PDB file of N, CA and C in Angstrom:
ATOM      1  N   MET A   1      86.364  54.489  64.119  1.00  0.00           N
ATOM      2  CA  MET A   1      86.403  54.362  65.503  1.00  0.00           C
ATOM      3  C   MET A   1      87.478  55.461  65.742  1.00  0.00           C
ATOM      4  N   ILE A   2      88.320  54.917  65.751  1.00  0.00           N
ATOM      5  CA  ILE A   2      89.736  55.503  66.034  1.00  0.00           C
ATOM      6  C   ILE A   2      90.324  56.633  65.032  1.00  0.00           C
ATOM      7  N   TYR A   3      89.543  56.848  64.395  1.00  0.00           N
ATOM      8  CA  TYR A   3      89.348  58.464  63.447  1.00  0.00           C
ATOM      9  C   TYR A   3      88.602  59.346  64.527  1.00  0.00           C
ATOM     10  N   GLY A   4      87.455  58.698  64.712  1.00  0.00           N
ATOM     11  CA  GLY A   4      86.625  59.831  65.718  1.00  0.00           C
ATOM     12  C   GLY A   4      87.436  60.094  66.956  1.00  0.00           C
ATOM     13  N   LEU A   5      88.046  59.207  67.483  1.00  0.00           N
ATOM     14  CA  LEU A   5      88.483  59.313  68.784  1.00  0.00           C
ATOM     15  C   LEU A   5      90.053  60.317  68.523  1.00  0.00           C
ATOM     16  N   ILE A   6      90.686  60.556  67.529  1.00  0.00           N
ATOM     17  CA  ILE A   6      91.935  61.239  67.003  1.00  0.00           C
ATOM     18  C   ILE A   6      91.026  62.690  67.000  1.00  0.00           C
ATOM     19  N   ILE A   7      90.097  62.790  66.225  1.00  0.00           N
ATOM     20  CA  ILE A   7      89.587  63.849  65.709  1.00  0.00           C
ATOM     21  C   ILE A   7      88.942  64.708  67.307  1.00  0.00           C
ATOM     22  N   LEU A   8      88.521  64.235  67.983  1.00  0.00           N
ATOM     23  CA  LEU A   8      87.812  64.306  69.596  1.00  0.00           C
ATOM     24  C   LEU A   8      89.369  64.844  70.342  1.00  0.00           C
ATOM     25  N   THR A   9      90.121  64.218  70.634  1.00  0.00           N
ATOM     26  CA  THR A   9      91.683  64.541  71.182  1.00  0.00           C
ATOM     27  C   THR A   9      92.232  66.011  70.494  1.00  0.00           C
ATOM     28  N   VAL A  10      92.152  65.938  69.067  1.00  0.00           N
ATOM     29  CA  VAL A  10      92.827  67.090  68.668  1.00  0.00           C
ATOM     30  C   VAL A  10      91.566  68.395  68.804  1.00  0.00           C
ATOM     31  N   LEU A  11      90.494  68.142  68.742  1.00  0.00           N
ATOM     32  CA  LEU A  11      89.643  69.269  69.087  1.00  0.00           C
ATOM     33  C   LEU A  11      89.898  69.641  70.731  1.00  0.00           C
ATOM     34  N   PHE A  12      89.751  68.728  71.620  1.00  0.00           N
ATOM     35  CA  PHE A  12      90.058  68.740  72.984  1.00  0.00           C
ATOM     36  C   PHE A  12      91.349  69.481  73.304  1.00  0.00           C
ATOM     37  N   LEU A  13      92.325  69.317  72.595  1.00  0.00           N
ATOM     38  CA  LEU A  13      93.782  70.006  72.540  1.00  0.00           C
ATOM     39  C   LEU A  13      93.406  71.405  72.209  1.00  0.00           C
ATOM     40  N   LEU A  14      92.915  71.698  71.254  1.00  0.00           N
ATOM     41  CA  LEU A  14      92.863  73.169  70.656  1.00  0.00           C
ATOM     42  C   LEU A  14      92.113  74.065  71.456  1.00  0.00           C
ATOM     43  N   SER A  15      90.710  73.244  72.016  1.00  0.00           N
ATOM     44  CA  SER A  15      89.826  74.119  73.011  1.00  0.00           C
ATOM     45  C   SER A  15      90.597  74.236  74.404  1.00  0.00           C
ATOM     46  N   THR A  16      91.123  73.422  74.837  1.00  0.00           N
ATOM     47  CA  THR A  16      92.096  73.550  76.178  1.00  0.00           C
ATOM     48  C   THR A  16      93.359  74.798  75.694  1.00  0.00           C
ATOM     49  N   TYR A  17      93.769  74.747  74.824  1.00  0.00           N
ATOM     50  CA  TYR A  17      94.566  75.334  74.392  1.00  0.00           C
ATOM     51  C   TYR A  17      94.116  77.086  74.403  1.00  0.00           C
ATOM     52  N   TYR A  18      93.133  77.236  73.920  1.00  0.00           N
ATOM     53  CA  TYR A  18      92.584  78.717  73.858  1.00  0.00           C
ATOM     54  C   TYR A  18      91.829  79.056  74.841  1.00  0.00           C
ATOM     55  N   CYS A  19      91.350  77.941  75.915  1.00  0.00           N
ATOM     56  CA  CYS A  19      90.894  78.637  77.252  1.00  0.00           C
ATOM     57  C   CYS A  19      91.997  79.021  78.022  1.00  0.00           C
ATOM     58  N   PHE A  20      93.050  78.354  77.888  1.00  0.00           N
ATOM     59  CA  PHE A  20      94.079  78.808  78.902  1.00  0.00           C
ATOM     60  C   PHE A  20      94.696  80.323  78.403  1.00  0.00           C
ATOM     61  N   LYS A  21      94.873  80.612  76.980  1.00  0.00           N
ATOM     62  CA  LYS A  21      95.261  81.769  76.387  1.00  0.00           C
ATOM     63  C   LYS A  21      94.247  82.888  76.648  1.00  0.00           C
ATOM     64  N   PHE A  22      92.754  82.451  76.711  1.00  0.00           N
ATOM     65  CA  PHE A  22      91.828  83.697  77.074  1.00  0.00           C
ATOM     66  C   PHE A  22      91.748  83.904  78.416  1.00  0.00           C
ATOM     67  N   ALA A  23      92.047  82.801  79.401  1.00  0.00           N
ATOM     68  CA  ALA A  23      92.144  83.159  80.642  1.00  0.00           C
ATOM     69  C   ALA A  23      93.246  83.998  81.135  1.00  0.00           C
ATOM     70  N   ILE A  24      94.609  83.876  80.339  1.00  0.00           N
ATOM     71  CA  ILE A  24      95.391  84.663  80.666  1.00  0.00           C
ATOM     72  C   ILE A  24      95.558  86.074  80.040  1.00  0.00           C
ATOM     73  N   VAL A  25      94.588  86.146  78.963  1.00  0.00           N
ATOM     74  CA  VAL A  25      94.353  87.663  78.604  1.00  0.00           C
ATOM     75  C   VAL A  25      93.305  88.548  79.702  1.00  0.00           C
ATOM     76  N   ILE A  26      92.493  87.490  79.938  1.00  0.00           N
ATOM     77  CA  ILE A  26      91.572  87.843  81.174  1.00  0.00           C
ATOM     78  C   ILE A  26      92.362  88.265  82.165  1.00  0.00           C
ATOM     79  N   ILE A  27      93.323  87.536  82.884  1.00  0.00           N
ATOM     80  CA  ILE A  27      93.886  87.842  84.068  1.00  0.00           C
ATOM     81  C   ILE A  27      94.966  89.139  84.052  1.00  0.00           C
ATOM     82  N   LYS A  28      95.347  89.305  82.632  1.00  0.00           N
ATOM     83  CA  LYS A  28      96.505  90.456  82.394  1.00  0.00           C
ATOM     84  C   LYS A  28      95.495  91.563  82.527  1.00  0.00           C
ATOM     85  N   ILE A  29      93.810  91.980  81.685  1.00  0.00           N
ATOM     86  CA  ILE A  29      93.290  93.284  81.745  1.00  0.00           C
ATOM     87  C   ILE A  29      92.560  93.188  83.321  1.00  0.00           C
ATOM     88  N   SER A  30      92.351  92.194  83.792  1.00  0.00           N
ATOM     89  CA  SER A  30      91.863  92.198  85.544  1.00  0.00           C
ATOM     90  C   SER A  30      93.133  93.132  86.067  1.00  0.00           C
ATOM     91  N   GLU A  31      94.165  92.470  85.912  1.00  0.00           N
ATOM     92  CA  GLU A  31      95.494  93.178  86.760  1.00  0.00           C
ATOM     93  C   GLU A  31      95.390  94.778  86.105  1.00  0.00           C
ATOM     94  N   ALA A  32      95.345  94.808  84.933  1.00  0.00           N
ATOM     95  CA  ALA A  32      95.668  96.467  84.338  1.00  0.00           C
ATOM     96  C   ALA A  32      94.488  97.060  85.185  1.00  0.00           C
ATOM     97  N   ILE A  33      93.514  96.736  85.217  1.00  0.00           N
ATOM     98  CA  ILE A  33      92.132  97.549  85.786  1.00  0.00           C
ATOM     99  C   ILE A  33      92.267  97.738  87.197  1.00  0.00           C
ATOM    100  N   GLU A  34      93.263  96.589  87.893  1.00  0.00           N
ATOM    101  CA  GLU A  34      93.414  97.095  89.600  1.00  0.00           C
ATOM    102  C   GLU A  34      94.558  98.168  89.359  1.00  0.00           C
ATOM    103  N   ASP A  35      95.326  98.059  88.411  1.00  0.00           N
ATOM    104  CA  ASP A  35      96.565  99.019  88.346  1.00  0.00           C
ATOM    105  C   ASP A  35      95.927 100.456  88.020  1.00  0.00           C
ATOM    106  N   SER A  36      95.043 100.639  87.215  1.00  0.00           N
ATOM    107  CA  SER A  36      94.179 101.920  87.051  1.00  0.00           C
ATOM    108  C   SER A  36      93.502 102.230  87.857  1.00  0.00           C
ATOM    109  N   LEU A  37      92.663 101.446  88.836  1.00  0.00           N
ATOM    110  CA  LEU A  37      92.039 101.981  89.687  1.00  0.00           C
ATOM    111  C   LEU A  37      92.825 102.556  91.109  1.00  0.00           C
ATOM    112  N   ASP A  38      94.233 101.841  91.090  1.00  0.00           N
ATOM    113  CA  ASP A  38      94.971 102.569  92.268  1.00  0.00           C
ATOM    114  C   ASP A  38      95.447 103.901  91.874  1.00  0.00           C
ATOM    115  N   VAL A  39      95.698 104.338  90.301  1.00  0.00           N
ATOM    116  CA  VAL A  39      95.903 105.417  90.306  1.00  0.00           C
ATOM    117  C   VAL A  39      94.705 106.745  90.000  1.00  0.00           C
ATOM    118  N   ILE A  40      93.635 106.192  89.893  1.00  0.00           N
ATOM    119  CA  ILE A  40      92.487 106.942  90.114  1.00  0.00           C
ATOM    120  C   ILE A  40      92.353 107.264  91.380  1.00  0.00           C
ATOM    121  N   ASP A  41      92.249 106.311  92.501  1.00  0.00           N
ATOM    122  CA  ASP A  41      92.289 106.566  93.779  1.00  0.00           C
ATOM    123  C   ASP A  41      93.276 107.689  94.148  1.00  0.00           C
ATOM    124  N   THR A  42      94.542 107.197  93.979  1.00  0.00           N
ATOM    125  CA  THR A  42      95.257 108.435  94.169  1.00  0.00           C
ATOM    126  C   THR A  42      95.346 109.716  93.749  1.00  0.00           C
ATOM    127  N   ASN A  43      94.554 109.738  92.290  1.00  0.00           N
ATOM    128  CA  ASN A  43      94.422 111.265  91.690  1.00  0.00           C
ATOM    129  C   ASN A  43      93.161 111.578  92.410  1.00  0.00           C
ATOM    130  N   TYR A  44      92.263 110.854  93.042  1.00  0.00           N
ATOM    131  CA  TYR A  44      90.897 111.437  93.606  1.00  0.00           C
ATOM    132  C   TYR A  44      91.306 111.948  94.906  1.00  0.00           C
ATOM    133  N   ASN A  45      92.160 111.204  95.438  1.00  0.00           N
ATOM    134  CA  ASN A  45      92.408 111.487  96.664  1.00  0.00           C
ATOM    135  C   ASN A  45      93.277 113.069  96.609  1.00  0.00           C
ATOM    136  N   ASN A  46      93.977 113.211  95.935  1.00  0.00           N
ATOM    137  CA  ASN A  46      94.770 114.252  96.115  1.00  0.00           C
ATOM    138  C   ASN A  46      94.034 115.340  95.333  1.00  0.00           C
ATOM    139  N   ILE A  47      92.667 115.457  94.401  1.00  0.00           N
ATOM    140  CA  ILE A  47      91.967 116.346  94.288  1.00  0.00           C
ATOM    141  C   ILE A  47      91.315 116.831  95.212  1.00  0.00           C
ATOM    142  N   SER A  48      90.715 115.961  95.762  1.00  0.00           N
ATOM    143  CA  SER A  48      89.870 116.438  97.071  1.00  0.00           C
ATOM    144  C   SER A  48      90.525 117.025  98.377  1.00  0.00           C
ATOM    145  N   LYS A  49      92.007 116.393  98.634  1.00  0.00           N
ATOM    146  CA  LYS A  49      92.684 117.623  99.252  1.00  0.00           C
ATOM    147  C   LYS A  49      92.618 118.779  98.708  1.00  0.00           C
ATOM    148  N   ILE A  50      93.146 118.999  97.278  1.00  0.00           N
ATOM    149  CA  ILE A  50      93.116 120.411  97.238  1.00  0.00           C
ATOM    150  C   ILE A  50      92.026 121.039  97.049  1.00  0.00           C
ATOM    151  N   LEU A  51      90.358 120.260  96.790  1.00  0.00           N
ATOM    152  CA  LEU A  51      89.537 121.119  96.762  1.00  0.00           C
ATOM    153  C   LEU A  51      89.012 121.232  98.535  1.00  0.00           C
ATOM    154  N   GLU A  52      89.709 120.960  99.601  1.00  0.00           N
ATOM    155  CA  GLU A  52      89.461 120.998 100.954  1.00  0.00           C
ATOM    156  C   GLU A  52      89.873 122.728 101.128  1.00  0.00           C
ATOM    157  N   ILE A  53      90.689 123.208 100.511  1.00  0.00           N
ATOM    158  CA  ILE A  53      91.362 124.351 101.045  1.00  0.00           C
ATOM    159  C   ILE A  53      90.309 125.021 100.459  1.00  0.00           C
ATOM    160  N   PRO A  54      90.267 126.025 101.168  1.00  0.00           N
ATOM    161  CA  PRO A  54      89.130 127.396 101.126  1.00  0.00           C
ATOM    162  C   PRO A  54      89.750 128.458  99.718  1.00  0.00           C
ATOM    163  N   VAL A  55      88.689 128.761  98.982  1.00  0.00           N
ATOM    164  CA  VAL A  55      88.965 129.638  98.210  1.00  0.00           C
ATOM    165  C   VAL A  55      88.816 131.055  98.301  1.00  0.00           C
ATOM    166  N   PHE A  56      89.313 132.007  98.269  1.00  0.00           N
ATOM    167  CA  PHE A  56      89.351 133.233  99.048  1.00  0.00           C
ATOM    168  C   PHE A  56      89.167 134.411  97.957  1.00  0.00           C
ATOM    169  N   ASN A  57      89.243 134.330  96.535  1.00  0.00           N
ATOM    170  CA  ASN A  57      89.091 134.876  95.503  1.00  0.00           C
ATOM    171  C   ASN A  57      87.699 134.601  94.959  1.00  0.00           C
ATOM    172  N   ASP A  58      87.016 135.679  94.573  1.00  0.00           N
ATOM    173  CA  ASP A  58      85.722 135.909  93.961  1.00  0.00           C
ATOM    174  C   ASP A  58      85.480 135.805  92.674  1.00  0.00           C
ATOM    175  N   SER A  59      86.944 135.464  91.656  1.00  0.00           N
ATOM    176  CA  SER A  59      86.975 135.841  90.280  1.00  0.00           C
ATOM    177  C   SER A  59      86.162 134.797  89.669  1.00  0.00           C
ATOM    178  N   TYR A  60      85.588 134.917  88.714  1.00  0.00           N
ATOM    179  CA  TYR A  60      84.903 133.944  87.843  1.00  0.00           C
ATOM    180  C   TYR A  60      86.027 132.694  87.679  1.00  0.00           C
ATOM    181  N   GLU A  61      87.337 132.931  86.858  1.00  0.00           N
ATOM    182  CA  GLU A  61      88.358 132.090  86.796  1.00  0.00           C
ATOM    183  C   GLU A  61      88.461 131.192  87.472  1.00  0.00           C
ATOM    184  N   VAL A  62      88.850 131.829  89.215  1.00  0.00           N
ATOM    185  CA  VAL A  62      89.169 130.812  90.013  1.00  0.00           C
ATOM    186  C   VAL A  62      87.828 130.057  90.621  1.00  0.00           C
ATOM    187  N   LYS A  63      86.663 130.319  90.333  1.00  0.00           N
ATOM    188  CA  LYS A  63      85.510 129.586  90.828  1.00  0.00           C
ATOM    189  C   LYS A  63      85.191 128.761  89.712  1.00  0.00           C
ATOM    190  N   SER A  64      85.492 128.682  88.461  1.00  0.00           N
ATOM    191  CA  SER A  64      85.337 128.005  87.354  1.00  0.00           C
ATOM    192  C   SER A  64      86.568 126.541  87.241  1.00  0.00           C
ATOM    193  N   ALA A  65      87.758 127.353  87.994  1.00  0.00           N
ATOM    194  CA  ALA A  65      88.731 126.166  88.080  1.00  0.00           C
ATOM    195  C   ALA A  65      88.368 125.187  89.373  1.00  0.00           C
ATOM    196  N   VAL A  66      87.608 125.843  90.259  1.00  0.00           N
ATOM    197  CA  VAL A  66      87.234 125.094  91.296  1.00  0.00           C
ATOM    198  C   VAL A  66      86.010 124.184  90.992  1.00  0.00           C
ATOM    199  N   ASN A  67      85.232 124.757  90.093  1.00  0.00           N
ATOM    200  CA  ASN A  67      84.025 123.948  89.483  1.00  0.00           C
ATOM    201  C   ASN A  67      84.568 122.848  88.859  1.00  0.00           C
ATOM    202  N   SER A  68      85.696 123.140  87.739  1.00  0.00           N
ATOM    203  CA  SER A  68      86.229 121.733  86.875  1.00  0.00           C
ATOM    204  C   SER A  68      87.053 120.566  87.792  1.00  0.00           C
ATOM    205  N   LEU A  69      87.546 121.418  88.760  1.00  0.00           N
ATOM    206  CA  LEU A  69      88.360 120.186  89.424  1.00  0.00           C
ATOM    207  C   LEU A  69      87.435 119.331  90.455  1.00  0.00           C
ATOM    208  N   GLU A  70      86.256 119.872  90.656  1.00  0.00           N
ATOM    209  CA  GLU A  70      85.157 119.151  91.310  1.00  0.00           C
ATOM    210  C   GLU A  70      84.417 117.882  90.208  1.00  0.00           C
ATOM    211  N   ASN A  71      84.503 118.400  89.170  1.00  0.00           N
ATOM    212  CA  ASN A  71      83.575 117.877  87.917  1.00  0.00           C
ATOM    213  C   ASN A  71      84.964 116.678  87.517  1.00  0.00           C
ATOM    214  N   ALA A  72      85.835 117.082  87.492  1.00  0.00           N
ATOM    215  CA  ALA A  72      86.629 116.093  87.679  1.00  0.00           C
ATOM    216  C   ALA A  72      86.969 114.600  88.794  1.00  0.00           C
ATOM    217  N   ARG A  73      87.152 115.428  89.860  1.00  0.00           N
ATOM    218  CA  ARG A  73      86.734 114.352  90.993  1.00  0.00           C
ATOM    219  C   ARG A  73      85.637 113.459  90.917  1.00  0.00           C
ATOM    220  N   ASN A  74      84.463 113.912  90.680  1.00  0.00           N
ATOM    221  CA  ASN A  74      83.281 113.213  90.340  1.00  0.00           C
ATOM    222  C   ASN A  74      83.775 112.382  89.413  1.00  0.00           C
ATOM    223  N   SER A  75      83.881 112.839  88.170  1.00  0.00           N
ATOM    224  CA  SER A  75      84.275 111.882  86.806  1.00  0.00           C
ATOM    225  C   SER A  75      85.162 110.760  87.186  1.00  0.00           C
ATOM    226  N   LEU A  76      86.116 111.012  88.125  1.00  0.00           N
ATOM    227  CA  LEU A  76      87.109 109.862  88.183  1.00  0.00           C
ATOM    228  C   LEU A  76      86.176 108.838  89.352  1.00  0.00           C
ATOM    229  N   LEU A  77      85.593 109.282  89.881  1.00  0.00           N
ATOM    230  CA  LEU A  77      84.689 108.474  90.793  1.00  0.00           C
ATOM    231  C   LEU A  77      83.813 107.466  90.081  1.00  0.00           C
ATOM    232  N   LEU A  78      83.144 108.087  89.102  1.00  0.00           N
ATOM    233  CA  LEU A  78      82.286 107.238  88.384  1.00  0.00           C
ATOM    234  C   LEU A  78      83.078 106.418  87.425  1.00  0.00           C
ATOM    235  N   VAL A  79      84.400 106.893  87.125  1.00  0.00           N
ATOM    236  CA  VAL A  79      85.053 105.606  86.272  1.00  0.00           C
ATOM    237  C   VAL A  79      85.629 104.594  87.078  1.00  0.00           C
ATOM    238  N   ALA A  80      86.066 105.036  88.458  1.00  0.00           N
ATOM    239  CA  ALA A  80      85.957 103.959  89.254  1.00  0.00           C
ATOM    240  C   ALA A  80      85.096 103.011  89.582  1.00  0.00           C
ATOM    241  N   LYS A  81      84.013 103.572  89.780  1.00  0.00           N
ATOM    242  CA  LYS A  81      83.079 102.643  90.090  1.00  0.00           C
ATOM    243  C   LYS A  81      82.459 101.897  89.044  1.00  0.00           C
ATOM    244  N   LYS A  82      82.663 102.275  87.449  1.00  0.00           N
ATOM    245  CA  LYS A  82      82.229 101.353  86.471  1.00  0.00           C
ATOM    246  C   LYS A  82      83.213 100.339  86.136  1.00  0.00           C
ATOM    247  N   LEU A  83      84.585 100.553  86.396  1.00  0.00           N
ATOM    248  CA  LEU A  83      85.603  99.482  86.363  1.00  0.00           C
ATOM    249  C   LEU A  83      85.328  98.515  87.280  1.00  0.00           C
ATOM    250  N   SER A  84      84.968  99.095  88.589  1.00  0.00           N
ATOM    251  CA  SER A  84      84.965  97.788  89.694  1.00  0.00           C
ATOM    252  C   SER A  84      83.638  97.153  89.572  1.00  0.00           C
ATOM    253  N   ASP A  85      82.714  97.429  88.860  1.00  0.00           N
ATOM    254  CA  ASP A  85      81.274  96.565  88.389  1.00  0.00           C
ATOM    255  C   ASP A  85      81.672  95.879  87.726  1.00  0.00           C
ATOM    256  N   SER A  86      82.857  95.365  87.223  1.00  0.00           N
ATOM    257  CA  SER A  86      82.705  94.182  86.190  1.00  0.00           C
ATOM    258  C   SER A  86      82.677  92.869  86.609  1.00  0.00           C
ATOM    259  N   ASP A  87      83.331  93.280  88.275  1.00  0.00           N
ATOM    260  CA  ASP A  87      83.070  91.841  88.828  1.00  0.00           C
ATOM    261  C   ASP A  87      81.617  90.871  88.993  1.00  0.00           C
ATOM    262  N   LEU A  88      81.466  89.782  89.137  1.00  0.00           N
ATOM    263  CA  LEU A  88      80.290  89.344  88.913  1.00  0.00           C
ATOM    264  C   LEU A  88      78.975  89.425  90.239  1.00  0.00           C
ATOM    265  N   ASN A  89      79.895  89.757  91.377  1.00  0.00           N
ATOM    266  CA  ASN A  89      78.836  90.418  92.020  1.00  0.00           C
ATOM    267  C   ASN A  89      77.903  91.907  91.986  1.00  0.00           C
ATOM    268  N   GLU A  90      76.966  91.316  91.865  1.00  0.00           N
ATOM    269  CA  GLU A  90      76.009  92.853  91.460  1.00  0.00           C
ATOM    270  C   GLU A  90      75.276  93.480  92.669  1.00  0.00           C
ATOM    271  N   GLU A  91      76.873  93.631  93.403  1.00  0.00           N
ATOM    272  CA  GLU A  91      76.278  95.076  94.510  1.00  0.00           C
ATOM    273  C   GLU A  91      75.947  96.177  93.979  1.00  0.00           C
ATOM    274  N   GLU A  92      75.177  96.578  94.539  1.00  0.00           N
ATOM    275  CA  GLU A  92      74.744  98.161  94.198  1.00  0.00           C
ATOM    276  C   GLU A  92      75.570  98.910  95.094  1.00  0.00           C
ATOM    277  N   VAL A  93      76.163 100.113  94.813  1.00  0.00           N
ATOM    278  CA  VAL A  93      77.226 100.791  95.191  1.00  0.00           C
ATOM    279  C   VAL A  93      76.633 102.117  94.920  1.00  0.00           C
ATOM    280  N   ASP A  94      76.677 103.127  96.156  1.00  0.00           N
ATOM    281  CA  ASP A  94      76.144 104.698  95.849  1.00  0.00           C
ATOM    282  C   ASP A  94      77.418 105.203  95.766  1.00  0.00           C
ATOM    283  N   ILE A  95      76.989 106.450  94.935  1.00  0.00           N
ATOM    284  CA  ILE A  95      78.043 107.101  94.408  1.00  0.00           C
ATOM    285  C   ILE A  95      77.364 108.708  95.427  1.00  0.00           C
ATOM    286  N   GLU A  96      78.329 109.199  95.704  1.00  0.00           N
ATOM    287  CA  GLU A  96      78.053 110.325  96.696  1.00  0.00           C
ATOM    288  C   GLU A  96      78.874 111.288  96.183  1.00  0.00           C
ATOM    289  N   TYR A  97      78.292 112.271  95.321  1.00  0.00           N
ATOM    290  CA  TYR A  97      78.707 113.482  94.462  1.00  0.00           C
ATOM    291  C   TYR A  97      78.929 114.600  95.344  1.00  0.00           C
ATOM    292  N   TYR A  98      79.871 114.990  95.487  1.00  0.00           N
ATOM    293  CA  TYR A  98      80.167 116.149  96.281  1.00  0.00           C
ATOM    294  C   TYR A  98      79.108 117.400  95.742  1.00  0.00           C
ATOM    295  N   GLU A  99      78.414 117.925  96.119  1.00  0.00           N
ATOM    296  CA  GLU A  99      77.663 119.319  96.108  1.00  0.00           C
ATOM    297  C   GLU A  99      78.438 120.749  95.135  1.00  0.00           C
ATOM    298  N   GLU A 100      78.354 121.102  94.415  1.00  0.00           N
ATOM    299  CA  GLU A 100      79.140 122.490  94.027  1.00  0.00           C
ATOM    300  C   GLU A 100      78.686 123.055  94.781  1.00  0.00           C
ATOM    301  N   ARG A 101      79.986 124.478  94.783  1.00  0.00           N
ATOM    302  CA  ARG A 101      79.621 125.206  95.720  1.00  0.00           C
ATOM    303  C   ARG A 101      79.416 126.510  94.915  1.00  0.00           C
TER     304      ARG A 101
END
């Protein structure tokens, strides 16, 4: 009887240790994701400001660069959406992609 109690106590202590260990890992990952989302948001806003400037050159290279920036902006938005969907709330968030010019 006493051996069973000792074994159960040891198992309980081990499981508690690993629960706290994994909880700390999850908290660190969550903080890293939040920091990454802040960086993505800043870059998204900077790219959006750049894309609001009208382009007066009809060169293929300039149009290609603008299209690449638009694709980068949309991919940043997609990554941010996927990272923020990791929470338990299964809310549907619509992504509004900007139309290509």
